[in-house]
């Protein structure tokens, strides 16, 4: 079949194309896919469309046989909008894109405007001060600092103009009232009015084990069991549990011994069956003098040697 088509001239190296809108421009032959993209970018030819869209802008596309009414093209127009926002009293052009709603006028005014609260605002947008209603609305957002006496707490402090003139001013001060637990309330005054006082301090009581409680303040309630890591240890090992739990006793041989009283015959975790030795330690310090401690205690450093130490230490 291929030979027949070749012999009859029905197989060609390029594809003939004609623009539907400009057929008088003649035939354009396309050999590759890239040729179609260059010569027929939108299905038409390379002439600019230049049709006027309903928004007033010129169509930015090349010749396109589809969407001849330019409905889709108009919705996708990204040129700067030239319309005047409806409520703008100064006829400022819209600053959005053509395919976006104009909305309020966002033109920045090069002037100072006095708000109903008495404060001035510099370089406001046109929409925010275009009429009395807009200026009153902007005054409700005024951030100027003022001194105000709040009721019924009687706190006199600095706040914003907007807060002072609101229907229910919110006191920003720390409450500071002394609670039943003895701590001062650290919540915002406004929070105490709605939710009541609440102590945010930590309990500082010392537990039986010697640790500080550290839990959130619980008033007169009994402190819960200690949640710190147990610090019980001996020469052989250390407890790995929580302080509130009972430790496992060390069952290694007791290493407490001396030449005067001998050694303990019980395990490390049991009370020793020998008495403490009250005789002087026979060991020598680094300075060469005899240890001043009692037998069985840890030897001190040479700065505590009776012969070598200073008068202040002695």
Protein backbone atom coordinates (compact mmCIF):
# COMPACT_ATOMS: atom_id res chain seq x y z
CA UNK A 1 0.00 0.00 0.00
CA UNK A 2 2.81 2.36 0.86
CA UNK A 3 4.40 1.79 -2.56
CA UNK A 4 1.07 2.48 -4.28
CA UNK A 5 0.58 5.72 -2.33
CA UNK A 6 4.18 6.79 -3.10
CA UNK A 7 3.80 6.02 -6.83
CA UNK A 8 0.54 7.97 -7.04
CA UNK A 9 2.00 10.94 -5.09
CA UNK A 10 -0.35 10.60 -2.12
CA UNK A 11 2.44 10.56 0.52
CA UNK A 12 3.98 13.96 1.20
CA UNK A 13 6.64 15.19 3.66
CA UNK A 14 4.49 18.00 5.13
CA UNK A 15 0.85 18.67 6.06
CA UNK A 16 -0.97 21.56 4.31
CA UNK A 17 -2.93 23.89 6.60
CA UNK A 18 -5.19 26.89 5.95
CA UNK A 19 -6.41 29.51 8.48
CA UNK A 20 -10.21 29.36 8.73
CA UNK A 21 -10.46 33.11 9.37
CA UNK A 22 -7.87 34.21 6.81
CA UNK A 23 -8.02 31.66 3.96
CA UNK A 24 -6.64 34.18 1.47
CA UNK A 25 -3.28 34.02 3.21
CA UNK A 26 -2.62 30.75 1.41
CA UNK A 27 -1.43 27.32 2.49
CA UNK A 28 1.16 26.78 5.22
CA UNK A 29 2.94 23.41 5.33
CA UNK A 30 3.77 21.91 8.74
CA UNK A 31 6.26 19.06 9.00
CA UNK A 32 6.75 18.67 12.75
CA UNK A 33 4.71 19.24 15.90
CA UNK A 34 6.82 22.32 16.58
CA UNK A 35 5.72 23.74 13.22
CA UNK A 36 2.07 23.50 14.34
CA UNK A 37 2.88 25.30 17.59
CA UNK A 38 4.64 28.13 15.75
CA UNK A 39 2.49 28.49 12.62
CA UNK A 40 -0.90 27.55 14.14
CA UNK A 41 -0.60 28.53 17.86
CA UNK A 42 -4.37 28.70 18.59
CA UNK A 43 -5.67 26.79 15.61
CA UNK A 44 -5.59 29.92 13.46
CA UNK A 45 -2.65 31.85 12.06
CA UNK A 46 0.02 34.16 13.45
CA UNK A 47 -1.96 37.37 13.01
CA UNK A 48 -2.79 39.21 16.29
CA UNK A 49 -6.50 38.94 17.12
CA UNK A 50 -6.83 42.59 18.30
CA UNK A 51 -10.57 42.18 18.92
CA UNK A 52 -11.94 44.52 21.61
CA UNK A 53 -13.17 42.64 24.65
CA UNK A 54 -16.27 43.69 26.60
CA UNK A 55 -13.94 45.15 29.26
CA UNK A 56 -12.39 47.47 26.67
CA UNK A 57 -8.98 45.79 26.42
CA UNK A 58 -7.65 44.32 23.17
CA UNK A 59 -7.57 40.53 22.92
CA UNK A 60 -3.96 39.46 23.66
CA UNK A 61 -4.18 36.18 21.68
CA UNK A 62 -3.10 35.30 18.17
CA UNK A 63 -5.82 34.47 15.64
CA UNK A 64 -8.16 31.87 17.19
CA UNK A 65 -11.14 30.24 15.44
CA UNK A 66 -12.60 29.15 18.80
CA UNK A 67 -14.25 31.50 21.34
CA UNK A 68 -15.05 34.08 18.68
CA UNK A 69 -17.41 35.81 21.14
CA UNK A 70 -14.45 36.20 23.51
CA UNK A 71 -16.47 35.12 26.54
CA UNK A 72 -13.66 32.97 27.97
CA UNK A 73 -10.95 35.44 26.94
CA UNK A 74 -12.75 38.28 28.74
CA UNK A 75 -12.97 36.23 31.97
CA UNK A 76 -9.22 35.57 31.76
CA UNK A 77 -8.15 39.14 31.06
CA UNK A 78 -5.29 40.08 33.41
CA UNK A 79 -4.74 43.64 32.25
CA UNK A 80 -4.95 46.41 34.92
CA UNK A 81 -8.57 47.34 35.59
CA UNK A 82 -9.55 50.86 34.48
CA UNK A 83 -13.02 50.93 36.00
CA UNK A 84 -13.98 53.32 38.84
CA UNK A 85 -15.10 51.57 42.07
CA UNK A 86 -18.78 52.30 42.71
CA UNK A 87 -18.41 54.01 46.11
CA UNK A 88 -15.23 55.99 45.33
CA UNK A 89 -16.02 59.76 45.58
CA UNK A 90 -12.71 60.77 43.96
CA UNK A 91 -12.92 58.67 40.77
CA UNK A 92 -9.76 56.71 41.50
CA UNK A 93 -9.09 53.91 39.00
CA UNK A 94 -9.37 50.35 40.33
CA UNK A 95 -6.01 48.80 41.29
CA UNK A 96 -7.04 45.18 40.73
CA UNK A 97 -6.81 42.99 37.63
CA UNK A 98 -9.52 43.26 34.99
CA UNK A 99 -10.92 39.75 35.71
CA UNK A 100 -11.32 40.55 39.44
CA UNK A 101 -14.18 42.31 41.18
CA UNK A 102 -13.39 45.98 41.83
CA UNK A 103 -14.53 45.92 45.46
CA UNK A 104 -13.67 48.89 47.72
CA UNK A 105 -11.29 51.62 46.54
CA UNK A 106 -7.79 50.80 47.80
CA UNK A 107 -6.15 54.03 46.61
CA UNK A 108 -3.87 55.39 49.38
CA UNK A 109 -4.57 59.05 50.15
CA UNK A 110 -1.60 61.34 50.69
CA UNK A 111 -3.17 63.18 53.62
CA UNK A 112 -4.10 62.99 57.29
CA UNK A 113 -7.72 62.40 58.24
CA UNK A 114 -9.25 63.20 61.63
CA UNK A 115 -11.37 60.34 62.97
CA UNK A 116 -14.50 60.76 65.13
CA UNK A 117 -12.43 59.70 68.17
CA UNK A 118 -10.20 62.79 67.68
CA UNK A 119 -7.08 60.97 66.54
CA UNK A 120 -5.62 61.33 63.06
CA UNK A 121 -4.79 58.57 60.62
CA UNK A 122 -2.00 59.03 58.07
CA UNK A 123 -2.29 57.79 54.48
CA UNK A 124 -5.56 55.84 54.81
CA UNK A 125 -7.19 54.04 51.91
CA UNK A 126 -9.94 55.93 50.12
CA UNK A 127 -12.62 53.40 51.05
CA UNK A 128 -11.82 53.60 54.78
CA UNK A 129 -12.54 57.38 54.98
CA UNK A 130 -14.84 58.02 52.02
CA UNK A 131 -17.82 58.92 54.23
CA UNK A 132 -18.86 59.37 57.87
CA UNK A 133 -19.83 55.71 58.24
CA UNK A 134 -16.43 54.55 56.98
CA UNK A 135 -14.55 56.94 59.31
CA UNK A 136 -16.62 55.79 62.28
CA UNK A 137 -15.84 52.18 61.40
CA UNK A 138 -12.12 52.99 61.13
CA UNK A 139 -12.21 54.75 64.53
CA UNK A 140 -13.27 51.44 66.08
CA UNK A 141 -9.85 50.09 65.03
CA UNK A 142 -7.83 53.10 66.28
CA UNK A 143 -4.53 51.90 67.82
CA UNK A 144 -3.54 55.18 69.49
CA UNK A 145 -2.55 54.64 73.15
CA UNK A 146 -4.64 56.32 75.84
CA UNK A 147 -4.86 56.15 79.64
CA UNK A 148 -8.16 54.87 80.89
CA UNK A 149 -9.71 53.95 84.26
CA UNK A 150 -11.52 50.63 83.95
CA UNK A 151 -14.57 49.70 85.99
CA UNK A 152 -15.34 47.95 88.27
CA UNK A 153 -11.71 46.88 88.85
CA UNK A 154 -10.53 50.54 89.08
CA UNK A 155 -7.30 49.73 87.23
CA UNK A 156 -5.89 52.82 85.50
CA UNK A 157 -3.61 51.74 82.68
CA UNK A 158 -2.63 52.28 79.04
CA UNK A 159 -4.83 50.77 76.36
CA UNK A 160 -5.87 51.44 72.77
CA UNK A 161 -8.41 54.07 71.78
CA UNK A 162 -10.52 51.37 70.14
CA UNK A 163 -10.68 49.36 73.38
CA UNK A 164 -11.52 52.43 75.45
CA UNK A 165 -14.45 53.39 73.20
CA UNK A 166 -15.76 49.86 72.74
CA UNK A 167 -19.08 48.79 74.25
CA UNK A 168 -17.31 46.55 76.78
CA UNK A 169 -13.73 47.77 77.41
CA UNK A 170 -11.35 44.94 78.31
CA UNK A 171 -8.87 45.66 81.12
CA UNK A 172 -5.37 44.51 80.05
CA UNK A 173 -3.85 44.66 83.55
CA UNK A 174 -2.74 41.64 85.57
CA UNK A 175 -5.32 40.94 88.27
CA UNK A 176 -2.85 40.79 91.19
CA UNK A 177 -5.46 39.83 93.81
CA UNK A 178 -4.17 37.65 96.65
CA UNK A 179 -5.80 34.23 96.48
CA UNK A 180 -6.65 31.84 99.30
CA UNK A 181 -3.46 29.85 98.59
CA UNK A 182 -1.33 32.96 99.25
CA UNK A 183 -0.24 33.51 95.64
CA UNK A 184 -1.26 36.54 93.59
CA UNK A 185 -3.53 35.98 90.59
CA UNK A 186 -1.50 36.28 87.37
CA UNK A 187 -4.44 36.22 84.94
CA UNK A 188 -5.66 39.20 82.96
CA UNK A 189 -8.22 41.21 84.85
CA UNK A 190 -10.76 40.68 82.06
CA UNK A 191 -10.34 36.89 82.30
CA UNK A 192 -11.07 36.90 86.02
CA UNK A 193 -14.36 38.68 85.37
CA UNK A 194 -15.60 35.95 83.06
CA UNK A 195 -13.90 32.77 84.32
CA UNK A 196 -13.01 33.64 87.91
CA UNK A 197 -9.60 33.60 89.59
CA UNK A 198 -7.18 30.77 88.97
CA UNK A 199 -3.72 30.33 90.44
CA UNK A 200 -1.04 29.75 87.79
CA UNK A 201 1.85 29.38 90.27
CA UNK A 202 3.68 26.17 91.19
CA UNK A 203 3.40 24.56 94.61
CA UNK A 204 6.60 25.28 96.57
CA UNK A 205 6.08 22.93 99.50
CA UNK A 206 8.90 20.55 100.44
CA UNK A 207 7.79 16.92 100.46
CA UNK A 208 8.82 14.25 102.94
CA UNK A 209 11.47 13.00 100.52
CA UNK A 210 13.10 16.46 100.34
CA UNK A 211 11.96 17.31 96.81
CA UNK A 212 9.83 20.39 96.08
CA UNK A 213 6.27 19.52 94.98
CA UNK A 214 6.38 21.65 91.80
CA UNK A 215 2.82 20.73 90.75
CA UNK A 216 0.25 23.41 89.84
CA UNK A 217 -0.91 25.15 93.02
CA UNK A 218 -3.57 23.07 94.76
CA UNK A 219 -4.36 25.27 97.75
CA UNK A 220 -4.93 23.41 101.01
CA UNK A 221 -5.16 20.05 99.31
CA UNK A 222 -2.55 17.47 100.23
CA UNK A 223 0.41 17.29 97.85
CA UNK A 224 0.35 14.26 95.56
CA UNK A 225 3.13 11.64 95.74
CA UNK A 226 6.51 12.81 94.45
CA UNK A 227 6.99 12.29 90.74
CA UNK A 228 10.74 13.06 90.67
CA UNK A 229 13.42 10.48 89.95
CA UNK A 230 14.52 8.56 93.02
CA UNK A 231 17.96 9.61 94.31
CA UNK A 232 18.64 6.59 96.54
CA UNK A 233 22.03 5.07 95.63
CA UNK A 234 24.88 3.03 97.12
CA UNK A 235 28.38 2.01 96.07
CA UNK A 236 26.95 -0.77 93.87
CA UNK A 237 23.95 0.73 92.06
CA UNK A 238 21.26 3.42 92.08
CA UNK A 239 17.46 3.26 92.01
CA UNK A 240 15.93 3.86 88.56
CA UNK A 241 12.31 4.31 89.68
CA UNK A 242 10.17 7.23 90.78
CA UNK A 243 10.62 8.75 94.21
CA UNK A 244 7.02 7.87 95.16
CA UNK A 245 7.66 4.13 94.72
CA UNK A 246 9.34 1.81 97.23
CA UNK A 247 12.94 1.06 96.20
CA UNK A 248 14.34 -2.43 95.81
CA UNK A 249 17.04 -3.01 98.40
CA UNK A 250 20.59 -3.69 97.27
CA UNK A 251 21.51 -7.35 97.89
CA UNK A 252 25.23 -7.00 97.21
CA UNK A 253 27.64 -7.64 100.08
CA UNK A 254 28.07 -4.68 102.40
CA UNK A 255 31.49 -3.07 101.85
CA UNK A 256 31.59 -1.16 105.16
CA UNK A 257 34.61 -2.42 107.08
CA UNK A 258 37.64 -1.22 108.95
CA UNK A 259 40.64 -2.72 110.76
CA UNK A 260 39.20 -1.80 114.16
CA UNK A 261 35.60 -3.12 114.04
CA UNK A 262 35.87 -5.59 111.18
CA UNK A 263 33.21 -5.87 108.41
CA UNK A 264 29.43 -6.12 108.21
CA UNK A 265 28.13 -9.60 107.40
CA UNK A 266 24.75 -8.50 106.01
CA UNK A 267 23.72 -7.31 102.53
CA UNK A 268 24.16 -3.68 101.56
CA UNK A 269 20.44 -2.80 101.83
CA UNK A 270 20.06 -4.08 105.42
CA UNK A 271 21.06 -2.20 108.60
CA UNK A 272 24.67 -3.08 109.45
CA UNK A 273 25.30 -5.52 112.32
CA UNK A 274 28.46 -3.70 113.39
CA UNK A 275 28.79 -0.39 115.23
CA UNK A 276 30.40 2.69 113.73
CA UNK A 277 34.10 3.02 114.47
CA UNK A 278 35.00 6.11 116.53
CA UNK A 279 38.76 5.75 116.25
CA UNK A 280 40.91 8.04 114.15
CA UNK A 281 41.47 7.14 110.50
CA UNK A 282 44.89 5.56 109.85
CA UNK A 283 45.10 6.73 106.22
CA UNK A 284 47.39 9.55 105.04
CA UNK A 285 46.52 12.59 102.93
CA UNK A 286 48.48 13.70 99.83
CA UNK A 287 50.46 16.13 101.97
CA UNK A 288 51.84 13.15 103.93
CA UNK A 289 50.02 13.85 107.23
CA UNK A 290 47.52 11.50 108.88
CA UNK A 291 43.81 11.94 108.01
CA UNK A 292 42.00 13.99 110.70
CA UNK A 293 38.65 12.21 110.19
CA UNK A 294 37.06 9.34 112.06
CA UNK A 295 37.59 5.82 110.71
CA UNK A 296 35.00 4.94 108.06
CA UNK A 297 34.36 8.46 106.84
CA UNK A 298 35.67 9.83 103.54
CA UNK A 299 39.09 11.42 103.84
CA UNK A 300 39.09 15.22 103.19
CA UNK A 301 41.49 17.03 100.88
CA UNK A 302 44.86 18.27 102.13
CA UNK A 303 43.51 21.81 102.60
CA UNK A 304 41.74 20.48 105.71
CA UNK A 305 44.92 18.89 107.12
CA UNK A 306 45.46 20.00 110.71
CA UNK A 307 49.16 20.72 110.08
CA UNK A 308 48.78 22.33 106.60
CA UNK A 309 45.49 24.21 106.73
CA UNK A 310 45.25 28.01 107.12
CA UNK A 311 44.19 29.73 110.33
CA UNK A 312 40.73 30.49 108.85
CA UNK A 313 40.11 26.78 108.15
CA UNK A 314 41.57 25.72 111.47
